[in-house]
Each structure stands twice: as structure tokens, then as C-alpha cells.
Amino acid sequence: MNLILCFEKSADNGEGTLIEALWRRFSSGGMMLKRIVFVFFVFFTVFGVEASMISFVVVETGLPQEGERNQHSLYLENVLLDVFFDEGHIVSNAPILRLETKPLGGILQSPSFFTIEEEALNGGFDYIVLAQIDYLDSQTPGDMSFFVYRIRGRVKVLERQIRGKPYRTARDEIDDLKIIVRELVPYLN
């Protein structure tokens, strides 16, 4: 806890308060101090950095509703959050959504997506990044689809399809997912 003390000087010596004396000391410190303050002021006002607020949704298709969460879906969700957070974005995730079959017309036309979109809009998010994993069976992920969707204006910024493949280890899968997800980052400004 910081404590700021302000002492009044006597009227005889005319120095005023301690804060006034400190101000006079720093303001008469020369041009170097003023330049440093000016540079910091310009840097933080002119070159302000804004971070996009991104909501992530992982959708599993081809799995029964009553089953447990699949480890591949959890890996993907964690990689999405990590990569975009490391790039300076504000990130949040919705619970993993499980659909027994692919929605007709695609995930962006499903009632589930409209609910997700409404929640993100009310939360003040700028983008939704939706990752859909189509499972071949309970343990084998098939193709993955990524959608980058700007909420304001309802614009689909990017749609990318990735072919599923088997991995020898979880580390290999996570490393590959990081490469894939990093390719999405430039599409969010």
C-alpha cells in the first residue's frame, strides 16, 4: 500500500507544499526528462494497441450425445486458446458442442450457431472462431473445418478445410494443430 504525504511548509520560507517542491524539481530537470515523457506519451497514445475479442467454439460431429469429451477436441480447444492468447487477443470459449450428424446447410446455418452468435454479440466479442471436427468413429477424428466469422456485419472471413490424419503421439498432434491454428491468426485484425 502506498502512502503519499503532503507537508505544508511554513509561510516564512515560501517553499509551499512538498508536492509543489517535487514538481519544481522535476520540471526544472532539463530537456532530457521532458523528452522521455514526451516519447512515452506519444508511443502510448499514437501507437495504441487494440486486441480483438474472440469466442471459440469446438463442434464435434459423428459422436453420440451421451459419450465423454474426446481428447482430440480438447487438444484443439486448448491450442486455439493458447495460440490466439499468445498473439495478444482476448479469448473465451463456449462449451464444446456435440452434434450426432453434420447439420444440413453447414454449421453456420444451424440453430446452434445462431445461439452462439447471439451470445457472442451480447458479450461484446468481435469474432467467432468455430472449429468443427467430423469424427469417423469414437476415437478417430476425420476432417476439420475452421470458420472465422466477424460478428459485426455477419461476415464469414475465412473457411478452411483440413484433412484428418493419424498421429503417433499426442505431442505430434498438438504441434501440428498449432501450425494449423497459427495460419488463422492473420485473418483477425
C-alpha atoms as a PDB file:
ATOM      1  CA  MET A   1       0.000   0.000   0.000  1.00  0.00           C
ATOM      2  CA  ASN A   2       1.403   3.352  -0.995  1.00  0.00           C
ATOM      3  CA  LEU A   3       1.193   6.346   1.281  1.00  0.00           C
ATOM      4  CA  ILE A   4       1.535   9.845  -0.122  1.00  0.00           C
ATOM      5  CA  LEU A   5       2.466  12.515   2.375  1.00  0.00           C
ATOM      6  CA  CYS A   6       1.948  16.180   1.733  1.00  0.00           C
ATOM      7  CA  PHE A   7       3.592  18.517   4.234  1.00  0.00           C
ATOM      8  CA  GLU A   8       2.874  22.216   4.343  1.00  0.00           C
ATOM      9  CA  LYS A   9       5.971  24.328   4.714  1.00  0.00           C
ATOM     10  CA  SER A  10       5.908  27.355   6.861  1.00  0.00           C
ATOM     11  CA  ALA A  11       4.763  30.613   5.282  1.00  0.00           C
ATOM     12  CA  ASP A  12       8.136  32.161   6.190  1.00  0.00           C
ATOM     13  CA  ASN A  13      10.312  30.289   3.684  1.00  0.00           C
ATOM     14  CA  GLY A  14       7.806  30.438   0.790  1.00  0.00           C
ATOM     15  CA  GLU A  15       8.505  26.911  -0.491  1.00  0.00           C
ATOM     16  CA  GLY A  16       4.876  25.712  -0.424  1.00  0.00           C
ATOM     17  CA  THR A  17       3.969  22.023  -0.151  1.00  0.00           C
ATOM     18  CA  LEU A  18       6.293  19.094  -0.616  1.00  0.00           C
ATOM     19  CA  ILE A  19       4.447  18.145  -3.823  1.00  0.00           C
ATOM     20  CA  GLU A  20       4.994  21.630  -5.241  1.00  0.00           C
ATOM     21  CA  ALA A  21       8.696  21.365  -4.396  1.00  0.00           C
ATOM     22  CA  LEU A  22       8.929  17.967  -6.131  1.00  0.00           C
ATOM     23  CA  TRP A  23       7.133  19.337  -9.168  1.00  0.00           C
ATOM     24  CA  ARG A  24       9.569  22.261  -9.387  1.00  0.00           C
ATOM     25  CA  ARG A  25      12.476  19.821  -9.080  1.00  0.00           C
ATOM     26  CA  PHE A  26      11.256  17.557 -11.903  1.00  0.00           C
ATOM     27  CA  SER A  27      10.071  20.358 -14.154  1.00  0.00           C
ATOM     28  CA  SER A  28      13.444  22.059 -13.943  1.00  0.00           C
ATOM     29  CA  GLY A  29      15.253  18.755 -14.611  1.00  0.00           C
ATOM     30  CA  GLY A  30      16.116  19.771 -18.129  1.00  0.00           C
ATOM     31  CA  MET A  31      15.112  18.773 -21.602  1.00  0.00           C
ATOM     32  CA  MET A  32      16.076  15.105 -21.244  1.00  0.00           C
ATOM     33  CA  LEU A  33      13.279  14.328 -18.778  1.00  0.00           C
ATOM     34  CA  LYS A  34      10.768  16.215 -20.889  1.00  0.00           C
ATOM     35  CA  ARG A  35      11.817  14.291 -23.994  1.00  0.00           C
ATOM     36  CA  ILE A  36      11.456  10.944 -22.250  1.00  0.00           C
ATOM     37  CA  VAL A  37       7.976  11.847 -21.002  1.00  0.00           C
ATOM     38  CA  PHE A  38       7.027  13.088 -24.466  1.00  0.00           C
ATOM     39  CA  VAL A  39       8.212   9.885 -26.153  1.00  0.00           C
ATOM     40  CA  PHE A  40       6.220   7.717 -23.731  1.00  0.00           C
ATOM     41  CA  PHE A  41       3.152   9.893 -24.201  1.00  0.00           C
ATOM     42  CA  VAL A  42       3.361   9.731 -27.994  1.00  0.00           C
ATOM     43  CA  PHE A  43       4.080   5.994 -28.023  1.00  0.00           C
ATOM     44  CA  PHE A  44       1.117   5.062 -25.846  1.00  0.00           C
ATOM     45  CA  THR A  45      -1.367   7.428 -27.468  1.00  0.00           C
ATOM     46  CA  VAL A  46      -0.446   7.255 -31.142  1.00  0.00           C
ATOM     47  CA  PHE A  47       0.571   3.611 -31.302  1.00  0.00           C
ATOM     48  CA  GLY A  48      -2.262   2.276 -29.178  1.00  0.00           C
ATOM     49  CA  VAL A  49      -2.716  -1.463 -29.434  1.00  0.00           C
ATOM     50  CA  GLU A  50      -6.146  -2.975 -29.663  1.00  0.00           C
ATOM     51  CA  ALA A  51      -6.877  -6.620 -29.094  1.00  0.00           C
ATOM     52  CA  SER A  52      -9.746  -8.429 -30.781  1.00  0.00           C
ATOM     53  CA  MET A  53     -12.150 -10.290 -28.539  1.00  0.00           C
ATOM     54  CA  ILE A  54     -12.580 -13.810 -29.871  1.00  0.00           C
ATOM     55  CA  SER A  55     -15.035 -16.514 -28.850  1.00  0.00           C
ATOM     56  CA  PHE A  56     -14.016 -20.087 -29.712  1.00  0.00           C
ATOM     57  CA  VAL A  57     -16.407 -22.945 -30.303  1.00  0.00           C
ATOM     58  CA  VAL A  58     -15.349 -26.519 -30.978  1.00  0.00           C
ATOM     59  CA  VAL A  59     -18.058 -28.656 -32.592  1.00  0.00           C
ATOM     60  CA  GLU A  60     -17.888 -32.446 -32.631  1.00  0.00           C
ATOM     61  CA  THR A  61     -19.952 -34.272 -35.243  1.00  0.00           C
ATOM     62  CA  GLY A  62     -20.435 -38.019 -35.593  1.00  0.00           C
ATOM     63  CA  LEU A  63     -20.311 -38.816 -31.863  1.00  0.00           C
ATOM     64  CA  PRO A  64     -23.193 -39.921 -29.623  1.00  0.00           C
ATOM     65  CA  GLN A  65     -24.560 -37.262 -27.247  1.00  0.00           C
ATOM     66  CA  GLU A  66     -24.002 -39.319 -24.077  1.00  0.00           C
ATOM     67  CA  GLY A  67     -20.296 -40.017 -24.664  1.00  0.00           C
ATOM     68  CA  GLU A  68     -17.404 -38.325 -22.899  1.00  0.00           C
ATOM     69  CA  ARG A  69     -15.449 -35.480 -24.443  1.00  0.00           C
ATOM     70  CA  ASN A  70     -12.919 -36.650 -26.948  1.00  0.00           C
ATOM     71  CA  GLN A  71      -9.253 -35.865 -26.268  1.00  0.00           C
ATOM     72  CA  HIS A  72      -8.732 -34.575 -29.835  1.00  0.00           C
ATOM     73  CA  SER A  73     -11.420 -31.953 -29.304  1.00  0.00           C
ATOM     74  CA  LEU A  74      -9.840 -30.881 -26.025  1.00  0.00           C
ATOM     75  CA  TYR A  75      -6.408 -30.594 -27.679  1.00  0.00           C
ATOM     76  CA  LEU A  76      -7.873 -28.407 -30.413  1.00  0.00           C
ATOM     77  CA  GLU A  77      -9.710 -26.177 -27.948  1.00  0.00           C
ATOM     78  CA  ASN A  78      -6.572 -25.673 -25.846  1.00  0.00           C
ATOM     79  CA  VAL A  79      -4.425 -24.910 -28.905  1.00  0.00           C
ATOM     80  CA  LEU A  80      -6.954 -22.341 -30.163  1.00  0.00           C
ATOM     81  CA  LEU A  81      -6.963 -20.545 -26.827  1.00  0.00           C
ATOM     82  CA  ASP A  82      -3.171 -20.690 -26.407  1.00  0.00           C
ATOM     83  CA  VAL A  83      -2.215 -19.508 -29.895  1.00  0.00           C
ATOM     84  CA  PHE A  84      -4.622 -16.582 -30.052  1.00  0.00           C
ATOM     85  CA  PHE A  85      -3.871 -15.513 -26.475  1.00  0.00           C
ATOM     86  CA  ASP A  86      -0.138 -15.595 -27.218  1.00  0.00           C
ATOM     87  CA  GLU A  87      -0.822 -13.342 -30.232  1.00  0.00           C
ATOM     88  CA  GLY A  88      -2.368 -10.745 -27.899  1.00  0.00           C
ATOM     89  CA  HIS A  89      -6.083 -11.380 -28.408  1.00  0.00           C
ATOM     90  CA  ILE A  90      -8.707 -11.567 -25.687  1.00  0.00           C
ATOM     91  CA  VAL A  91     -10.060 -15.111 -25.820  1.00  0.00           C
ATOM     92  CA  SER A  92     -13.004 -17.022 -24.449  1.00  0.00           C
ATOM     93  CA  ASN A  93     -14.547 -20.351 -25.245  1.00  0.00           C
ATOM     94  CA  ALA A  94     -18.038 -21.756 -25.330  1.00  0.00           C
ATOM     95  CA  PRO A  95     -18.577 -25.328 -24.173  1.00  0.00           C
ATOM     96  CA  ILE A  96     -17.761 -27.995 -26.761  1.00  0.00           C
ATOM     97  CA  LEU A  97     -20.852 -28.599 -28.852  1.00  0.00           C
ATOM     98  CA  ARG A  98     -21.657 -32.167 -29.911  1.00  0.00           C
ATOM     99  CA  LEU A  99     -23.896 -32.968 -32.848  1.00  0.00           C
ATOM    100  CA  GLU A 100     -24.635 -36.544 -33.869  1.00  0.00           C
ATOM    101  CA  THR A 101     -24.669 -35.584 -37.556  1.00  0.00           C
ATOM    102  CA  LYS A 102     -23.475 -32.684 -39.663  1.00  0.00           C
ATOM    103  CA  PRO A 103     -26.163 -30.003 -39.915  1.00  0.00           C
ATOM    104  CA  LEU A 104     -27.860 -29.615 -43.295  1.00  0.00           C
ATOM    105  CA  GLY A 105     -26.572 -26.490 -44.985  1.00  0.00           C
ATOM    106  CA  GLY A 106     -23.468 -26.405 -42.773  1.00  0.00           C
ATOM    107  CA  ILE A 107     -22.798 -25.400 -39.200  1.00  0.00           C
ATOM    108  CA  LEU A 108     -23.195 -21.662 -39.926  1.00  0.00           C
ATOM    109  CA  GLN A 109     -26.852 -22.290 -40.862  1.00  0.00           C
ATOM    110  CA  SER A 110     -27.709 -24.372 -37.794  1.00  0.00           C
ATOM    111  CA  PRO A 111     -29.847 -23.119 -34.892  1.00  0.00           C
ATOM    112  CA  SER A 112     -26.932 -23.897 -32.557  1.00  0.00           C
ATOM    113  CA  PHE A 113     -24.733 -21.381 -34.370  1.00  0.00           C
ATOM    114  CA  PHE A 114     -27.385 -18.651 -34.177  1.00  0.00           C
ATOM    115  CA  THR A 115     -27.487 -19.112 -30.402  1.00  0.00           C
ATOM    116  CA  ILE A 116     -23.677 -18.953 -30.201  1.00  0.00           C
ATOM    117  CA  GLU A 117     -23.666 -15.839 -32.386  1.00  0.00           C
ATOM    118  CA  GLU A 118     -26.265 -14.081 -30.214  1.00  0.00           C
ATOM    119  CA  GLU A 119     -24.319 -14.852 -27.017  1.00  0.00           C
ATOM    120  CA  ALA A 120     -21.069 -13.579 -28.560  1.00  0.00           C
ATOM    121  CA  LEU A 121     -22.759 -10.410 -29.799  1.00  0.00           C
ATOM    122  CA  ASN A 122     -24.201  -9.737 -26.347  1.00  0.00           C
ATOM    123  CA  GLY A 123     -20.781 -10.414 -24.803  1.00  0.00           C
ATOM    124  CA  GLY A 124     -19.104  -7.765 -26.968  1.00  0.00           C
ATOM    125  CA  PHE A 125     -16.953 -10.177 -28.977  1.00  0.00           C
ATOM    126  CA  ASP A 126     -15.539  -9.215 -32.361  1.00  0.00           C
ATOM    127  CA  TYR A 127     -15.083 -12.690 -33.855  1.00  0.00           C
ATOM    128  CA  ILE A 128     -16.197 -16.277 -33.520  1.00  0.00           C
ATOM    129  CA  VAL A 129     -13.692 -18.954 -34.495  1.00  0.00           C
ATOM    130  CA  LEU A 130     -15.567 -22.181 -34.988  1.00  0.00           C
ATOM    131  CA  ALA A 131     -13.658 -25.459 -35.320  1.00  0.00           C
ATOM    132  CA  GLN A 132     -15.647 -28.471 -36.432  1.00  0.00           C
ATOM    133  CA  ILE A 133     -14.206 -31.970 -36.117  1.00  0.00           C
ATOM    134  CA  ASP A 134     -16.016 -34.684 -38.034  1.00  0.00           C
ATOM    135  CA  TYR A 135     -15.332 -37.988 -36.274  1.00  0.00           C
ATOM    136  CA  LEU A 136     -15.176 -41.244 -38.239  1.00  0.00           C
ATOM    137  CA  ASP A 137     -15.715 -43.248 -35.034  1.00  0.00           C
ATOM    138  CA  SER A 138     -15.458 -42.545 -31.311  1.00  0.00           C
ATOM    139  CA  GLN A 139     -11.662 -42.144 -31.351  1.00  0.00           C
ATOM    140  CA  THR A 140     -10.704 -41.232 -34.895  1.00  0.00           C
ATOM    141  CA  PRO A 141     -11.005 -37.632 -35.994  1.00  0.00           C
ATOM    142  CA  GLY A 142     -11.698 -37.137 -39.673  1.00  0.00           C
ATOM    143  CA  ASP A 143     -11.741 -33.804 -41.460  1.00  0.00           C
ATOM    144  CA  MET A 144     -11.610 -30.500 -39.608  1.00  0.00           C
ATOM    145  CA  SER A 145     -13.282 -27.288 -40.714  1.00  0.00           C
ATOM    146  CA  PHE A 146     -12.357 -23.847 -39.441  1.00  0.00           C
ATOM    147  CA  PHE A 147     -14.610 -20.823 -39.772  1.00  0.00           C
ATOM    148  CA  VAL A 148     -13.561 -17.292 -38.842  1.00  0.00           C
ATOM    149  CA  TYR A 149     -16.712 -15.217 -38.522  1.00  0.00           C
ATOM    150  CA  ARG A 150     -16.861 -11.458 -37.817  1.00  0.00           C
ATOM    151  CA  ILE A 151     -19.884 -10.776 -35.677  1.00  0.00           C
ATOM    152  CA  ARG A 152     -20.423  -7.128 -36.663  1.00  0.00           C
ATOM    153  CA  GLY A 153     -21.852  -7.223 -40.151  1.00  0.00           C
ATOM    154  CA  ARG A 154     -22.211 -11.012 -40.013  1.00  0.00           C
ATOM    155  CA  VAL A 155     -19.286 -11.688 -42.323  1.00  0.00           C
ATOM    156  CA  LYS A 156     -17.607 -15.043 -42.870  1.00  0.00           C
ATOM    157  CA  VAL A 157     -13.933 -14.037 -43.069  1.00  0.00           C
ATOM    158  CA  LEU A 158     -12.450 -17.466 -43.694  1.00  0.00           C
ATOM    159  CA  GLU A 159     -13.451 -21.067 -44.222  1.00  0.00           C
ATOM    160  CA  ARG A 160     -10.712 -23.684 -44.276  1.00  0.00           C
ATOM    161  CA  GLN A 161     -10.908 -27.479 -44.587  1.00  0.00           C
ATOM    162  CA  ILE A 162      -8.128 -29.699 -43.201  1.00  0.00           C
ATOM    163  CA  ARG A 163      -7.831 -33.390 -43.990  1.00  0.00           C
ATOM    164  CA  GLY A 164      -7.694 -35.606 -40.924  1.00  0.00           C
ATOM    165  CA  LYS A 165      -4.666 -37.811 -40.388  1.00  0.00           C
ATOM    166  CA  PRO A 166      -3.415 -40.205 -37.708  1.00  0.00           C
ATOM    167  CA  TYR A 167      -0.711 -39.097 -35.254  1.00  0.00           C
ATOM    168  CA  ARG A 168       1.849 -41.208 -33.454  1.00  0.00           C
ATOM    169  CA  THR A 169       1.774 -39.181 -30.232  1.00  0.00           C
ATOM    170  CA  ALA A 170      -0.321 -36.504 -28.597  1.00  0.00           C
ATOM    171  CA  ARG A 171       2.680 -34.141 -28.818  1.00  0.00           C
ATOM    172  CA  ASP A 172       2.782 -34.582 -32.621  1.00  0.00           C
ATOM    173  CA  GLU A 173      -0.917 -33.816 -32.835  1.00  0.00           C
ATOM    174  CA  ILE A 174      -0.641 -30.687 -30.677  1.00  0.00           C
ATOM    175  CA  ASP A 175       2.362 -29.395 -32.639  1.00  0.00           C
ATOM    176  CA  ASP A 176       0.509 -29.915 -35.931  1.00  0.00           C
ATOM    177  CA  LEU A 177      -2.604 -28.205 -34.567  1.00  0.00           C
ATOM    178  CA  LYS A 178      -0.508 -25.188 -33.523  1.00  0.00           C
ATOM    179  CA  ILE A 179       0.802 -24.842 -37.083  1.00  0.00           C
ATOM    180  CA  ILE A 180      -2.729 -25.051 -38.488  1.00  0.00           C
ATOM    181  CA  VAL A 181      -4.190 -22.567 -35.998  1.00  0.00           C
ATOM    182  CA  ARG A 182      -1.339 -20.050 -36.448  1.00  0.00           C
ATOM    183  CA  GLU A 183      -2.388 -19.801 -40.103  1.00  0.00           C
ATOM    184  CA  LEU A 184      -5.752 -18.401 -38.941  1.00  0.00           C
ATOM    185  CA  VAL A 185      -4.284 -15.534 -36.895  1.00  0.00           C
ATOM    186  CA  PRO A 186      -3.661 -13.057 -39.769  1.00  0.00           C
ATOM    187  CA  TYR A 187      -7.354 -13.111 -40.705  1.00  0.00           C
ATOM    188  CA  LEU A 188      -8.326 -11.395 -37.469  1.00  0.00           C
ATOM    189  CA  ASN A 189      -7.343  -7.756 -37.489  1.00  0.00           C
END
